[in-house]
Structure formats: structure tokens, C-alpha cells
Amino acid sequence: MLTTTLSDFRKDIKRYLDNVTNNFETLIINRGKDTGVVIMSLDEYNSLTTTQRELSSKVNEQRLDSAISKFKSGDSFKKELLD
């Protein structure tokens, strides 16, 4: 995670945005006491919203928890995917 001030961000916008998009960094721009802005890549944002949407359903959350438990206990198997 990167942090900067608004004035530093203005001085080098391209470098900061390149870091965010190329290195999957999250950038926080401090704007004063207890305020700020978060910048993240579109891929990271889409991933976050997809995860949030999937976990907002209790059924999906239970399925994921079950799959994680099976994987951790070694009670899982490999399956070939169809092309």
C-alpha cells in the first residue's frame, strides 16, 4: 500500500498511477486529519466487488466455507476442466 499527500500526487500523477495499475498497489492520498482518498486499479476494484457480491449471499458464503474446510482437511480432489 502506498501513501502520499495530494500535492505530491499532483507532482507525479503518472508514476503513482503506473504503480497502482502495474504492481496491483493501492494508493491512499491523505487529505488532512482522518480524511483521504483510495485509488486502486480497475482489476482490483472488480475483484473486490465480485467477492463482496458473492459473500453477500448466505448460501454462497456457506459453500465457500465448506470448500475451504474440505481443502484444509485434505478432503478435496482434482478435477479436469473441459475446454
PDB file of N, CA and C in Angstrom:
ATOM      1  N   MET A   1       0.842  -1.165   0.000  1.00  0.00           N
ATOM      2  CA  MET A   1       0.000   0.000   0.000  1.00  0.00           C
ATOM      3  C   MET A   1       0.894   1.238   0.000  1.00  0.00           C
ATOM      4  N   LEU A   2       0.569   2.147  -0.874  1.00  0.00           N
ATOM      5  CA  LEU A   2       1.306   3.402  -0.975  1.00  0.00           C
ATOM      6  C   LEU A   2       0.495   4.516  -0.331  1.00  0.00           C
ATOM      7  N   THR A   3       1.188   5.480   0.236  1.00  0.00           N
ATOM      8  CA  THR A   3       0.508   6.665   0.758  1.00  0.00           C
ATOM      9  C   THR A   3       1.251   7.906   0.272  1.00  0.00           C
ATOM     10  N   THR A   4       0.501   8.960   0.075  1.00  0.00           N
ATOM     11  CA  THR A   4       1.092  10.226  -0.354  1.00  0.00           C
ATOM     12  C   THR A   4       0.166  11.370   0.026  1.00  0.00           C
ATOM     13  N   THR A   5       0.671  12.564  -0.176  1.00  0.00           N
ATOM     14  CA  THR A   5      -0.167  13.756   0.024  1.00  0.00           C
ATOM     15  C   THR A   5      -0.726  14.167  -1.334  1.00  0.00           C
ATOM     16  N   LEU A   6      -1.716  15.003  -1.311  1.00  0.00           N
ATOM     17  CA  LEU A   6      -2.319  15.472  -2.554  1.00  0.00           C
ATOM     18  C   LEU A   6      -1.306  16.247  -3.404  1.00  0.00           C
ATOM     19  N   SER A   7      -0.491  17.080  -2.756  1.00  0.00           N
ATOM     20  CA  SER A   7       0.475  17.853  -3.549  1.00  0.00           C
ATOM     21  C   SER A   7       1.547  16.962  -4.165  1.00  0.00           C
ATOM     22  N   ASP A   8       2.015  15.939  -3.439  1.00  0.00           N
ATOM     23  CA  ASP A   8       2.986  15.007  -4.036  1.00  0.00           C
ATOM     24  C   ASP A   8       2.355  14.213  -5.172  1.00  0.00           C
ATOM     25  N   PHE A   9       1.100  13.836  -4.996  1.00  0.00           N
ATOM     26  CA  PHE A   9       0.389  13.106  -6.042  1.00  0.00           C
ATOM     27  C   PHE A   9       0.298  13.941  -7.316  1.00  0.00           C
ATOM     28  N   ARG A  10      -0.036  15.205  -7.159  1.00  0.00           N
ATOM     29  CA  ARG A  10      -0.131  16.104  -8.319  1.00  0.00           C
ATOM     30  C   ARG A  10       1.200  16.205  -9.063  1.00  0.00           C
ATOM     31  N   LYS A  11       2.310  16.229  -8.316  1.00  0.00           N
ATOM     32  CA  LYS A  11       3.630  16.376  -8.928  1.00  0.00           C
ATOM     33  C   LYS A  11       4.014  15.178  -9.786  1.00  0.00           C
ATOM     34  N   ASP A  12       3.501  14.002  -9.438  1.00  0.00           N
ATOM     35  CA  ASP A  12       3.944  12.788 -10.129  1.00  0.00           C
ATOM     36  C   ASP A  12       2.788  11.807 -10.356  1.00  0.00           C
ATOM     37  N   ILE A  13       1.700  12.317 -10.891  1.00  0.00           N
ATOM     38  CA  ILE A  13       0.494  11.510 -11.103  1.00  0.00           C
ATOM     39  C   ILE A  13       0.791  10.248 -11.906  1.00  0.00           C
ATOM     40  N   LYS A  14       1.502  10.376 -12.996  1.00  0.00           N
ATOM     41  CA  LYS A  14       1.747   9.225 -13.867  1.00  0.00           C
ATOM     42  C   LYS A  14       2.463   8.105 -13.129  1.00  0.00           C
ATOM     43  N   ARG A  15       3.496   8.432 -12.366  1.00  0.00           N
ATOM     44  CA  ARG A  15       4.242   7.400 -11.641  1.00  0.00           C
ATOM     45  C   ARG A  15       3.347   6.694 -10.626  1.00  0.00           C
ATOM     46  N   TYR A  16       2.551   7.468  -9.902  1.00  0.00           N
ATOM     47  CA  TYR A  16       1.655   6.858  -8.920  1.00  0.00           C
ATOM     48  C   TYR A  16       0.625   5.946  -9.587  1.00  0.00           C
ATOM     49  N   LEU A  17       0.015   6.420 -10.659  1.00  0.00           N
ATOM     50  CA  LEU A  17      -0.995   5.609 -11.343  1.00  0.00           C
ATOM     51  C   LEU A  17      -0.376   4.380 -12.002  1.00  0.00           C
ATOM     52  N   ASP A  18       0.833   4.514 -12.524  1.00  0.00           N
ATOM     53  CA  ASP A  18       1.531   3.344 -13.079  1.00  0.00           C
ATOM     54  C   ASP A  18       1.783   2.299 -11.997  1.00  0.00           C
ATOM     55  N   ASN A  19       2.195   2.742 -10.802  1.00  0.00           N
ATOM     56  CA  ASN A  19       2.405   1.804  -9.696  1.00  0.00           C
ATOM     57  C   ASN A  19       1.119   1.087  -9.323  1.00  0.00           C
ATOM     58  N   VAL A  20       0.027   1.820  -9.302  1.00  0.00           N
ATOM     59  CA  VAL A  20      -1.264   1.230  -8.954  1.00  0.00           C
ATOM     60  C   VAL A  20      -1.668   0.170  -9.972  1.00  0.00           C
ATOM     61  N   THR A  21      -1.568   0.503 -11.248  1.00  0.00           N
ATOM     62  CA  THR A  21      -2.046  -0.431 -12.275  1.00  0.00           C
ATOM     63  C   THR A  21      -1.052  -1.555 -12.573  1.00  0.00           C
ATOM     64  N   ASN A  22       0.226  -1.272 -12.572  1.00  0.00           N
ATOM     65  CA  ASN A  22       1.212  -2.292 -12.944  1.00  0.00           C
ATOM     66  C   ASN A  22       1.602  -3.218 -11.799  1.00  0.00           C
ATOM     67  N   ASN A  23       1.533  -2.726 -10.573  1.00  0.00           N
ATOM     68  CA  ASN A  23       2.007  -3.509  -9.428  1.00  0.00           C
ATOM     69  C   ASN A  23       0.897  -3.886  -8.456  1.00  0.00           C
ATOM     70  N   PHE A  24      -0.346  -3.711  -8.867  1.00  0.00           N
ATOM     71  CA  PHE A  24      -1.504  -4.027  -8.029  1.00  0.00           C
ATOM     72  C   PHE A  24      -1.391  -3.368  -6.655  1.00  0.00           C
ATOM     73  N   GLU A  25      -0.903  -2.136  -6.649  1.00  0.00           N
ATOM     74  CA  GLU A  25      -0.782  -1.367  -5.413  1.00  0.00           C
ATOM     75  C   GLU A  25      -2.091  -0.629  -5.152  1.00  0.00           C
ATOM     76  N   THR A  26      -2.324  -0.331  -3.898  1.00  0.00           N
ATOM     77  CA  THR A  26      -3.414   0.549  -3.502  1.00  0.00           C
ATOM     78  C   THR A  26      -2.779   1.843  -3.024  1.00  0.00           C
ATOM     79  N   LEU A  27      -3.300   2.955  -3.470  1.00  0.00           N
ATOM     80  CA  LEU A  27      -2.741   4.258  -3.123  1.00  0.00           C
ATOM     81  C   LEU A  27      -3.723   5.020  -2.244  1.00  0.00           C
ATOM     82  N   ILE A  28      -3.232   5.520  -1.125  1.00  0.00           N
ATOM     83  CA  ILE A  28      -4.036   6.368  -0.258  1.00  0.00           C
ATOM     84  C   ILE A  28      -3.478   7.780  -0.345  1.00  0.00           C
ATOM     85  N   ILE A  29      -4.340   8.706  -0.682  1.00  0.00           N
ATOM     86  CA  ILE A  29      -3.951  10.119  -0.732  1.00  0.00           C
ATOM     87  C   ILE A  29      -4.550  10.787   0.499  1.00  0.00           C
ATOM     88  N   ASN A  30      -3.670  11.195   1.402  1.00  0.00           N
ATOM     89  CA  ASN A  30      -4.122  11.874   2.622  1.00  0.00           C
ATOM     90  C   ASN A  30      -4.575  13.288   2.281  1.00  0.00           C
ATOM     91  N   ARG A  31      -5.730  13.661   2.836  1.00  0.00           N
ATOM     92  CA  ARG A  31      -6.269  14.996   2.560  1.00  0.00           C
ATOM     93  C   ARG A  31      -6.497  15.773   3.836  1.00  0.00           C
ATOM     94  N   GLY A  32      -5.803  15.420   4.872  1.00  0.00           N
ATOM     95  CA  GLY A  32      -5.982  16.108   6.139  1.00  0.00           C
ATOM     96  C   GLY A  32      -6.314  15.110   7.218  1.00  0.00           C
ATOM     97  N   LYS A  33      -6.680  15.619   8.367  1.00  0.00           N
ATOM     98  CA  LYS A  33      -6.950  14.753   9.509  1.00  0.00           C
ATOM     99  C   LYS A  33      -8.134  13.822   9.242  1.00  0.00           C
ATOM    100  N   ASP A  34      -7.846  12.532   9.290  1.00  0.00           N
ATOM    101  CA  ASP A  34      -8.867  11.481   9.155  1.00  0.00           C
ATOM    102  C   ASP A  34      -9.650  11.508   7.849  1.00  0.00           C
ATOM    103  N   THR A  35      -9.094  12.100   6.805  1.00  0.00           N
ATOM    104  CA  THR A  35      -9.765  12.053   5.501  1.00  0.00           C
ATOM    105  C   THR A  35      -8.750  11.653   4.445  1.00  0.00           C
ATOM    106  N   GLY A  36      -9.241  11.066   3.408  1.00  0.00           N
ATOM    107  CA  GLY A  36      -8.357  10.656   2.335  1.00  0.00           C
ATOM    108  C   GLY A  36      -9.129  10.018   1.209  1.00  0.00           C
ATOM    109  N   VAL A  37      -8.391   9.641   0.196  1.00  0.00           N
ATOM    110  CA  VAL A  37      -8.950   9.013  -0.993  1.00  0.00           C
ATOM    111  C   VAL A  37      -8.138   7.762  -1.286  1.00  0.00           C
ATOM    112  N   VAL A  38      -8.813   6.700  -1.694  1.00  0.00           N
ATOM    113  CA  VAL A  38      -8.136   5.460  -2.063  1.00  0.00           C
ATOM    114  C   VAL A  38      -8.225   5.284  -3.563  1.00  0.00           C
ATOM    115  N   ILE A  39      -7.098   4.975  -4.190  1.00  0.00           N
ATOM    116  CA  ILE A  39      -7.055   4.700  -5.629  1.00  0.00           C
ATOM    117  C   ILE A  39      -6.569   3.271  -5.805  1.00  0.00           C
ATOM    118  N   MET A  40      -7.310   2.514  -6.614  1.00  0.00           N
ATOM    119  CA  MET A  40      -6.911   1.140  -6.926  1.00  0.00           C
ATOM    120  C   MET A  40      -7.176   0.881  -8.399  1.00  0.00           C
ATOM    121  N   SER A  41      -6.547  -0.161  -8.915  1.00  0.00           N
ATOM    122  CA  SER A  41      -6.731  -0.487 -10.328  1.00  0.00           C
ATOM    123  C   SER A  41      -8.152  -0.987 -10.572  1.00  0.00           C
ATOM    124  N   LEU A  42      -8.589  -0.908 -11.808  1.00  0.00           N
ATOM    125  CA  LEU A  42      -9.915  -1.405 -12.171  1.00  0.00           C
ATOM    126  C   LEU A  42     -10.017  -2.906 -11.916  1.00  0.00           C
ATOM    127  N   ASP A  43      -8.960  -3.657 -12.217  1.00  0.00           N
ATOM    128  CA  ASP A  43      -8.971  -5.103 -11.953  1.00  0.00           C
ATOM    129  C   ASP A  43      -9.172  -5.392 -10.477  1.00  0.00           C
ATOM    130  N   GLU A  44      -8.468  -4.653  -9.630  1.00  0.00           N
ATOM    131  CA  GLU A  44      -8.592  -4.842  -8.181  1.00  0.00           C
ATOM    132  C   GLU A  44      -9.996  -4.475  -7.706  1.00  0.00           C
ATOM    133  N   TYR A  45     -10.533  -3.391  -8.218  1.00  0.00           N
ATOM    134  CA  TYR A  45     -11.893  -2.971  -7.864  1.00  0.00           C
ATOM    135  C   TYR A  45     -12.918  -4.028  -8.281  1.00  0.00           C
ATOM    136  N   ASN A  46     -12.800  -4.518  -9.509  1.00  0.00           N
ATOM    137  CA  ASN A  46     -13.735  -5.542  -9.985  1.00  0.00           C
ATOM    138  C   ASN A  46     -13.649  -6.807  -9.136  1.00  0.00           C
ATOM    139  N   SER A  47     -12.444  -7.199  -8.765  1.00  0.00           N
ATOM    140  CA  SER A  47     -12.262  -8.367  -7.912  1.00  0.00           C
ATOM    141  C   SER A  47     -12.922  -8.163  -6.555  1.00  0.00           C
ATOM    142  N   LEU A  48     -12.734  -6.991  -5.993  1.00  0.00           N
ATOM    143  CA  LEU A  48     -13.309  -6.677  -4.689  1.00  0.00           C
ATOM    144  C   LEU A  48     -14.834  -6.691  -4.734  1.00  0.00           C
ATOM    145  N   THR A  49     -15.414  -6.084  -5.746  1.00  0.00           N
ATOM    146  CA  THR A  49     -16.875  -6.053  -5.831  1.00  0.00           C
ATOM    147  C   THR A  49     -17.461  -7.431  -6.107  1.00  0.00           C
ATOM    148  N   THR A  50     -16.748  -8.244  -6.889  1.00  0.00           N
ATOM    149  CA  THR A  50     -17.207  -9.606  -7.142  1.00  0.00           C
ATOM    150  C   THR A  50     -17.201 -10.412  -5.853  1.00  0.00           C
ATOM    151  N   THR A  51     -16.120 -10.307  -5.095  1.00  0.00           N
ATOM    152  CA  THR A  51     -16.028 -11.010  -3.817  1.00  0.00           C
ATOM    153  C   THR A  51     -17.134 -10.562  -2.877  1.00  0.00           C
ATOM    154  N   GLN A  52     -17.358  -9.265  -2.801  1.00  0.00           N
ATOM    155  CA  GLN A  52     -18.408  -8.743  -1.930  1.00  0.00           C
ATOM    156  C   GLN A  52     -19.778  -9.264  -2.352  1.00  0.00           C
ATOM    157  N   ARG A  53     -20.030  -9.291  -3.645  1.00  0.00           N
ATOM    158  CA  ARG A  53     -21.316  -9.776  -4.151  1.00  0.00           C
ATOM    159  C   ARG A  53     -21.504 -11.257  -3.829  1.00  0.00           C
ATOM    160  N   GLU A  54     -20.445 -12.048  -4.032  1.00  0.00           N
ATOM    161  CA  GLU A  54     -20.531 -13.484  -3.758  1.00  0.00           C
ATOM    162  C   GLU A  54     -20.747 -13.757  -2.272  1.00  0.00           C
ATOM    163  N   LEU A  55     -20.077 -13.000  -1.416  1.00  0.00           N
ATOM    164  CA  LEU A  55     -20.193 -13.235   0.021  1.00  0.00           C
ATOM    165  C   LEU A  55     -21.450 -12.614   0.629  1.00  0.00           C
ATOM    166  N   SER A  56     -22.179 -11.789  -0.141  1.00  0.00           N
ATOM    167  CA  SER A  56     -23.409 -11.198   0.386  1.00  0.00           C
ATOM    168  C   SER A  56     -24.543 -12.221   0.432  1.00  0.00           C
ATOM    169  N   SER A  57     -24.375 -13.333  -0.276  1.00  0.00           N
ATOM    170  CA  SER A  57     -25.356 -14.412  -0.253  1.00  0.00           C
ATOM    171  C   SER A  57     -24.932 -15.432   0.805  1.00  0.00           C
ATOM    172  N   LYS A  58     -25.819 -15.718   1.757  1.00  0.00           N
ATOM    173  CA  LYS A  58     -25.504 -16.693   2.813  1.00  0.00           C
ATOM    174  C   LYS A  58     -25.207 -18.068   2.223  1.00  0.00           C
ATOM    175  N   VAL A  59     -25.929 -18.469   1.182  1.00  0.00           N
ATOM    176  CA  VAL A  59     -25.704 -19.777   0.558  1.00  0.00           C
ATOM    177  C   VAL A  59     -24.302 -19.838  -0.040  1.00  0.00           C
ATOM    178  N   ASN A  60     -23.905 -18.796  -0.772  1.00  0.00           N
ATOM    179  CA  ASN A  60     -22.560 -18.770  -1.353  1.00  0.00           C
ATOM    180  C   ASN A  60     -21.488 -18.746  -0.263  1.00  0.00           C
ATOM    181  N   GLU A  61     -21.733 -18.000   0.795  1.00  0.00           N
ATOM    182  CA  GLU A  61     -20.771 -17.935   1.897  1.00  0.00           C
ATOM    183  C   GLU A  61     -20.591 -19.314   2.530  1.00  0.00           C
ATOM    184  N   GLN A  62     -21.694 -20.048   2.728  1.00  0.00           N
ATOM    185  CA  GLN A  62     -21.618 -21.392   3.309  1.00  0.00           C
ATOM    186  C   GLN A  62     -20.894 -22.357   2.374  1.00  0.00           C
ATOM    187  N   ARG A  63     -21.143 -22.254   1.070  1.00  0.00           N
ATOM    188  CA  ARG A  63     -20.445 -23.113   0.108  1.00  0.00           C
ATOM    189  C   ARG A  63     -18.946 -22.859   0.121  1.00  0.00           C
ATOM    190  N   LEU A  64     -18.567 -21.591   0.167  1.00  0.00           N
ATOM    191  CA  LEU A  64     -17.150 -21.245   0.203  1.00  0.00           C
ATOM    192  C   LEU A  64     -16.504 -21.740   1.495  1.00  0.00           C
ATOM    193  N   ASP A  65     -17.158 -21.526   2.624  1.00  0.00           N
ATOM    194  CA  ASP A  65     -16.625 -22.007   3.901  1.00  0.00           C
ATOM    195  C   ASP A  65     -16.463 -23.525   3.887  1.00  0.00           C
ATOM    196  N   SER A  66     -17.428 -24.225   3.323  1.00  0.00           N
ATOM    197  CA  SER A  66     -17.350 -25.679   3.224  1.00  0.00           C
ATOM    198  C   SER A  66     -16.184 -26.123   2.346  1.00  0.00           C
ATOM    199  N   ALA A  67     -16.008 -25.457   1.212  1.00  0.00           N
ATOM    200  CA  ALA A  67     -14.911 -25.798   0.301  1.00  0.00           C
ATOM    201  C   ALA A  67     -13.555 -25.546   0.959  1.00  0.00           C
ATOM    202  N   ILE A  68     -13.433 -24.442   1.686  1.00  0.00           N
ATOM    203  CA  ILE A  68     -12.181 -24.129   2.377  1.00  0.00           C
ATOM    204  C   ILE A  68     -11.902 -25.177   3.447  1.00  0.00           C
ATOM    205  N   SER A  69     -12.911 -25.570   4.195  1.00  0.00           N
ATOM    206  CA  SER A  69     -12.740 -26.600   5.229  1.00  0.00           C
ATOM    207  C   SER A  69     -12.296 -27.926   4.623  1.00  0.00           C
ATOM    208  N   LYS A  70     -12.928 -28.322   3.512  1.00  0.00           N
ATOM    209  CA  LYS A  70     -12.546 -29.572   2.845  1.00  0.00           C
ATOM    210  C   LYS A  70     -11.114 -29.505   2.342  1.00  0.00           C
ATOM    211  N   PHE A  71     -10.736 -28.373   1.780  1.00  0.00           N
ATOM    212  CA  PHE A  71      -9.376 -28.222   1.274  1.00  0.00           C
ATOM    213  C   PHE A  71      -8.363 -28.307   2.413  1.00  0.00           C
ATOM    214  N   LYS A  72      -8.627 -27.622   3.502  1.00  0.00           N
ATOM    215  CA  LYS A  72      -7.701 -27.625   4.635  1.00  0.00           C
ATOM    216  C   LYS A  72      -7.585 -28.998   5.280  1.00  0.00           C
ATOM    217  N   SER A  73      -8.658 -29.773   5.281  1.00  0.00           N
ATOM    218  CA  SER A  73      -8.625 -31.093   5.903  1.00  0.00           C
ATOM    219  C   SER A  73      -8.097 -32.166   4.946  1.00  0.00           C
ATOM    220  N   GLY A  74      -7.819 -31.791   3.714  1.00  0.00           N
ATOM    221  CA  GLY A  74      -7.318 -32.757   2.734  1.00  0.00           C
ATOM    222  C   GLY A  74      -8.414 -33.571   2.080  1.00  0.00           C
ATOM    223  N   ASP A  75      -9.651 -33.200   2.318  1.00  0.00           N
ATOM    224  CA  ASP A  75     -10.795 -33.922   1.763  1.00  0.00           C
ATOM    225  C   ASP A  75     -11.246 -33.266   0.458  1.00  0.00           C
ATOM    226  N   SER A  76     -10.297 -33.096  -0.458  1.00  0.00           N
ATOM    227  CA  SER A  76     -10.615 -32.488  -1.747  1.00  0.00           C
ATOM    228  C   SER A  76     -10.003 -33.330  -2.852  1.00  0.00           C
ATOM    229  N   PHE A  77     -10.356 -33.027  -4.086  1.00  0.00           N
ATOM    230  CA  PHE A  77      -9.836 -33.790  -5.219  1.00  0.00           C
ATOM    231  C   PHE A  77      -9.654 -32.871  -6.403  1.00  0.00           C
ATOM    232  N   LYS A  78      -8.785 -33.301  -7.330  1.00  0.00           N
ATOM    233  CA  LYS A  78      -8.567 -32.537  -8.550  1.00  0.00           C
ATOM    234  C   LYS A  78      -9.561 -32.986  -9.603  1.00  0.00           C
ATOM    235  N   LYS A  79      -9.961 -32.047 -10.431  1.00  0.00           N
ATOM    236  CA  LYS A  79     -10.902 -32.357 -11.497  1.00  0.00           C
ATOM    237  C   LYS A  79     -10.457 -31.608 -12.741  1.00  0.00           C
ATOM    238  N   GLU A  80     -10.385 -32.306 -13.854  1.00  0.00           N
ATOM    239  CA  GLU A  80     -10.016 -31.668 -15.116  1.00  0.00           C
ATOM    240  C   GLU A  80     -11.167 -30.833 -15.647  1.00  0.00           C
ATOM    241  N   LEU A  81     -10.846 -29.661 -16.145  1.00  0.00           N
ATOM    242  CA  LEU A  81     -11.863 -28.787 -16.706  1.00  0.00           C
ATOM    243  C   LEU A  81     -12.003 -29.062 -18.200  1.00  0.00           C
ATOM    244  N   LEU A  82     -13.207 -28.891 -18.704  1.00  0.00           N
ATOM    245  CA  LEU A  82     -13.465 -29.053 -20.127  1.00  0.00           C
ATOM    246  C   LEU A  82     -12.995 -27.823 -20.860  1.00  0.00           C
ATOM    247  N   ASP A  83     -12.491 -28.004 -22.069  1.00  0.00           N
ATOM    248  CA  ASP A  83     -12.070 -26.854 -22.880  1.00  0.00           C
ATOM    249  C   ASP A  83     -13.255 -26.134 -23.455  1.00  0.00           C
TER     250      ASP A  83
END
